[in-house]
Amino acid sequence: MTTNQEKRQRKNERSRFKRRSDRLLEYGDEFGKLFDSKVYLLVQSQEGDLTIYNNRSENEWPPSQSEFPGPSEHRNPQNIGQGGRRPRSKFEKKKVQLLSYANEFAHQFSAKIYFAIQCRTGYTIIYNSSSSRRWPPSKKQVKSLVPFAKRRSPQDFDGSPDLPSGNQPTQLVGL
């Protein structure tokens, strides 16, 4: 392969990663809006690029364990898809789709993904694609990465720059 082809291939791979990462963040944002939930998402690429999403005004990462006092569900790549029966409620369907998408994305791009969702009832869903003790990073580690980390919020997903002004984006269908 020539150097130009290699550069193009790396650029295409980064573009695919960014599109899929943005889609995951959009799905998390949609989940938070549909179920009035707190959503914290952290995505790190193989190159170390870090994206942090928080749908609340606090800029806290990672969420402290005291924020999640209710019952919780911990997921990792090994236990995605286990359970045997089909989801019945809209919440369960969206949760399974979000977890599956995050798991597939982490596997396909060798990305590290951590998210925590807390519902109004206090029920918490935590997904971690890495079994490393160093993941997710602590608040101190994130502060050292802040100049390089991209922070995302719900305002980033209120409209699409691809749409002409005045048009509303359609609802996500894939999730």
Protein backbone atom coordinates (compact mmCIF):
# COMPACT_ATOMS: atom_id res chain seq x y z
CA MET A 1 0.00 0.00 0.00
CA THR A 2 1.28 3.45 -0.80
CA THR A 3 1.64 6.19 1.76
CA ASN A 4 -1.34 8.11 0.36
CA GLN A 5 -3.54 5.03 0.59
CA GLU A 6 -2.44 4.44 4.18
CA LYS A 7 -3.18 8.06 5.09
CA ARG A 8 -6.59 7.84 3.44
CA GLN A 9 -7.32 4.57 5.24
CA ARG A 10 -6.38 6.07 8.64
CA LYS A 11 -8.48 9.16 7.91
CA ASN A 12 -11.46 7.01 6.92
CA GLU A 13 -11.06 4.93 10.08
CA ARG A 14 -11.00 8.07 12.25
CA SER A 15 -14.10 9.37 10.44
CA ARG A 16 -15.94 6.07 11.03
CA PHE A 17 -14.93 6.15 14.69
CA LYS A 18 -16.17 9.73 15.07
CA ARG A 19 -19.50 8.98 13.36
CA ARG A 20 -20.10 5.89 15.49
CA SER A 21 -18.99 7.70 18.65
CA ASP A 22 -21.35 10.60 17.89
CA ARG A 23 -24.17 8.13 17.26
CA LEU A 24 -23.52 6.46 20.63
CA LEU A 25 -23.60 9.86 22.33
CA GLU A 26 -26.86 10.69 20.51
CA TYR A 27 -28.39 7.39 21.65
CA GLY A 28 -27.37 8.16 25.23
CA ASP A 29 -28.84 11.65 24.90
CA GLU A 30 -32.09 10.27 23.49
CA PHE A 31 -32.29 7.69 26.31
CA GLY A 32 -31.83 10.44 28.89
CA LYS A 33 -34.59 12.54 27.34
CA LEU A 34 -37.04 9.67 26.89
CA PHE A 35 -36.74 8.39 30.44
CA ASP A 36 -35.71 11.60 32.25
CA SER A 37 -32.45 9.95 33.30
CA LYS A 38 -28.99 11.22 34.18
CA VAL A 39 -26.54 9.99 31.56
CA TYR A 40 -22.75 10.01 31.86
CA LEU A 41 -20.74 8.65 28.94
CA LEU A 42 -17.00 8.38 28.47
CA VAL A 43 -15.45 7.19 25.19
CA GLN A 44 -11.73 6.77 24.56
CA SER A 45 -10.31 5.84 21.18
CA GLN A 46 -7.33 3.58 20.63
CA GLU A 47 -5.21 6.70 20.10
CA GLY A 48 -6.27 8.04 23.51
CA ASP A 49 -8.74 10.71 22.36
CA LEU A 50 -11.30 11.21 25.11
CA THR A 51 -14.93 12.34 24.80
CA ILE A 52 -17.06 13.03 27.86
CA TYR A 53 -20.84 13.40 27.72
CA ASN A 54 -22.98 14.55 30.64
CA ASN A 55 -26.65 15.47 30.15
CA ARG A 56 -26.82 17.44 33.40
CA SER A 57 -25.25 20.82 34.06
CA GLU A 58 -22.69 19.45 36.52
CA ASN A 59 -19.27 18.85 35.04
CA GLU A 60 -18.50 15.90 37.27
CA TRP A 61 -16.71 12.87 35.95
CA PRO A 62 -16.87 10.10 36.80
CA PRO A 63 -20.10 10.17 38.77
CA SER A 64 -19.54 9.40 42.43
CA GLN A 65 -20.95 6.18 43.84
CA SER A 66 -23.07 8.24 46.26
CA GLU A 67 -25.04 9.51 43.26
CA PHE A 68 -26.20 5.96 42.58
CA PRO A 69 -27.83 4.85 45.83
CA GLY A 70 -30.52 2.70 44.24
CA PRO A 71 -30.35 -0.81 42.84
CA SER A 72 -28.03 -1.13 39.93
CA GLU A 73 -27.20 -3.31 36.99
CA HIS A 74 -23.55 -3.73 36.03
CA ARG A 75 -22.81 -4.77 32.46
CA ASN A 76 -19.64 -5.67 30.63
CA PRO A 77 -18.92 -7.28 27.26
CA GLN A 78 -19.19 -10.78 28.73
CA ASN A 79 -22.76 -10.43 30.02
CA ILE A 80 -24.36 -8.44 27.18
CA GLY A 81 -27.19 -10.42 25.62
CA GLN A 82 -27.60 -12.78 28.55
CA GLY A 83 -30.98 -13.12 30.12
CA GLY A 84 -32.76 -15.32 27.61
CA ARG A 85 -36.06 -13.52 27.29
CA ARG A 86 -37.02 -10.64 25.07
CA PRO A 87 -37.37 -7.16 26.56
CA ARG A 88 -40.99 -6.23 27.18
CA SER A 89 -41.14 -2.54 27.99
CA LYS A 90 -39.94 0.38 25.88
CA PHE A 91 -37.36 1.09 28.59
CA GLU A 92 -35.99 -2.46 28.41
CA LYS A 93 -35.85 -2.38 24.60
CA LYS A 94 -33.99 0.95 24.52
CA LYS A 95 -31.65 -0.19 27.28
CA VAL A 96 -30.77 -3.42 25.45
CA GLN A 97 -30.25 -1.54 22.18
CA LEU A 98 -28.00 1.05 23.84
CA LEU A 99 -25.94 -1.61 25.62
CA SER A 100 -25.63 -3.69 22.43
CA TYR A 101 -24.58 -0.67 20.37
CA ALA A 102 -21.96 0.36 22.96
CA ASN A 103 -20.62 -3.19 23.15
CA GLU A 104 -20.41 -3.56 19.36
CA PHE A 105 -18.76 -0.14 19.02
CA ALA A 106 -16.16 -0.95 21.71
CA HIS A 107 -15.37 -4.28 20.06
CA GLN A 108 -15.20 -2.96 16.49
CA PHE A 109 -12.94 0.02 17.26
CA SER A 110 -11.06 -1.30 20.31
CA ALA A 111 -12.45 1.69 22.19
CA LYS A 112 -12.95 2.00 25.91
CA ILE A 113 -16.49 2.92 26.84
CA TYR A 114 -17.96 3.61 30.24
CA PHE A 115 -21.44 4.83 30.87
CA ALA A 116 -23.66 5.24 33.84
CA ILE A 117 -27.38 5.96 33.61
CA GLN A 118 -29.48 6.81 36.63
CA CYS A 119 -33.25 6.80 36.25
CA ARG A 120 -35.71 8.92 38.26
CA THR A 121 -36.46 5.91 40.45
CA GLY A 122 -32.79 5.60 41.41
CA TYR A 123 -32.27 2.49 39.28
CA THR A 124 -28.79 2.59 37.77
CA ILE A 125 -27.28 0.95 34.70
CA ILE A 126 -23.49 0.84 34.48
CA TYR A 127 -21.60 -0.44 31.44
CA ASN A 128 -17.83 -0.79 31.26
CA SER A 129 -16.15 -2.20 28.15
CA SER A 130 -12.81 -2.60 29.90
CA SER A 131 -11.93 -4.89 32.77
CA SER A 132 -8.88 -2.79 33.65
CA ARG A 133 -8.70 -1.31 37.14
CA ARG A 134 -7.48 1.93 35.56
CA TRP A 135 -10.70 2.40 33.65
CA PRO A 136 -12.72 4.57 33.97
CA PRO A 137 -10.25 7.25 34.97
CA SER A 138 -10.67 9.03 38.30
CA LYS A 139 -11.73 12.68 38.59
CA LYS A 140 -8.07 13.62 39.13
CA GLN A 141 -6.98 11.78 35.98
CA VAL A 142 -9.78 13.38 33.95
CA LYS A 143 -8.77 16.85 35.17
CA SER A 144 -5.27 16.25 33.80
CA LEU A 145 -6.82 15.18 30.48
CA VAL A 146 -9.39 18.03 30.33
CA PRO A 147 -7.41 20.22 27.92
CA PHE A 148 -7.48 17.33 25.48
CA ALA A 149 -10.91 15.87 26.26
CA LYS A 150 -13.95 16.82 24.22
CA ARG A 151 -16.92 17.67 26.42
CA ARG A 152 -20.36 17.05 24.95
CA SER A 153 -23.75 18.09 26.30
CA PRO A 154 -27.42 17.84 25.24
CA GLN A 155 -27.10 21.15 23.36
CA ASP A 156 -24.79 19.38 20.92
CA PHE A 157 -27.67 17.13 19.87
CA ASP A 158 -30.59 19.59 19.72
CA GLY A 159 -30.21 20.17 16.00
CA SER A 160 -28.17 18.81 13.18
CA PRO A 161 -25.72 21.04 11.29
CA ASP A 162 -26.48 18.93 8.22
CA LEU A 163 -30.08 20.17 8.12
CA PRO A 164 -31.06 23.45 6.51
CA SER A 165 -32.10 26.02 9.11
CA GLY A 166 -35.70 25.68 10.25
CA ASN A 167 -35.94 21.91 9.70
CA GLN A 168 -36.15 19.65 12.72
CA PRO A 169 -34.10 16.46 12.86
CA THR A 170 -36.05 13.23 12.69
CA GLN A 171 -36.17 10.86 15.61
CA LEU A 172 -33.44 8.22 15.75
CA VAL A 173 -34.77 5.03 14.21
CA GLY A 174 -31.81 2.69 14.66
CA LEU A 175 -32.06 2.56 18.43
